[in-house]
Amino acid sequence: MKIVVIGGTGLIGSKLVRRFEAHGHEALAASPATGVNTLTGEGLAQALAGASVVVDVANSPSFERDAVLDFFETSTGNLLEVEKAAGVAHHVGLSIVGTDRLPGNDYFRAKIAQERLIESSGIPWSILHATQFFEFVPAIADTAEVDGQVRMPSAAFQPVAGDDVADALARVATGAPLGGRLEIAGPDRAPMDDFFRAALAALGDPRPVVTDPDAPYFGSVLEADSLVPVGPAQLGRLHYADWHRS
């Protein structure tokens, strides 16, 4: 089976391509680096020819309000149009746990717009919602730094390993379309401030973590469960401490 991975040279995409190939599928890593550009349409028709499944894990290079919305609307719109013409039988999208609970967040708003395009496309579809990746913990801390302190709320935090997300996406992509959403989170849940206190210490990062209930997360103030599953969810197998030591 031919499976095209949009964003196939990135963190999750490259993991997916390796998994598909290991199971005997024809996996194509599609990204600007391989001559496929979903914003301009360059190389899309050629890449999708003969594809049964498309998995879109591409991300916007900018999180600015208008830029991120334009990226996901344009990229996804172009992709779905070419998928229809190519007869793709299953579109798989990757989104974020809690998008519907933070609609005022610029990035989450853009992901909601993307999901709506997928739902209304007429192509059989599945969407995986994931919590924040272990790999992004240092970057999240950097965005929360104010005057040398990392300011974090006590909202629940349940990050997941990129490998666990790739495993879940691979299972979804090679199965029947869900026509709905599935959620995945890491196995451990903790208050955000406590998690980052321990994580930065393990990284040898000397910055203090200060508890601040009004500290924004990429521009949005969090409620207790804004970033974690509130219903049934798959749990990853990797714990952050073990992942960090490996």
Foldseek 3Di string as FASTA:
>chain_A
DEEEEECLVDDLNVLLQVVCVVVPYRYHDAYVVVQADLLVRTPLLVNLAPAQEYEYPDAFPDLPQVRRLSCLVRSLVSNLVSCVVRVHQEYEYEAAPQLVVCCVQSNSVSVVVNVVCVLPSPHQYEYEHEFAELVCLVVQQVVQDDPLAREFAQAKGFAYHSNQVSVVRNVQRPDGRPSYYAYETAPDIGGPQVVSQVVCVLVVNPRHYHHDQQRARNNHRDDNHNRHDPDDHHHGDDDSVVVSVD
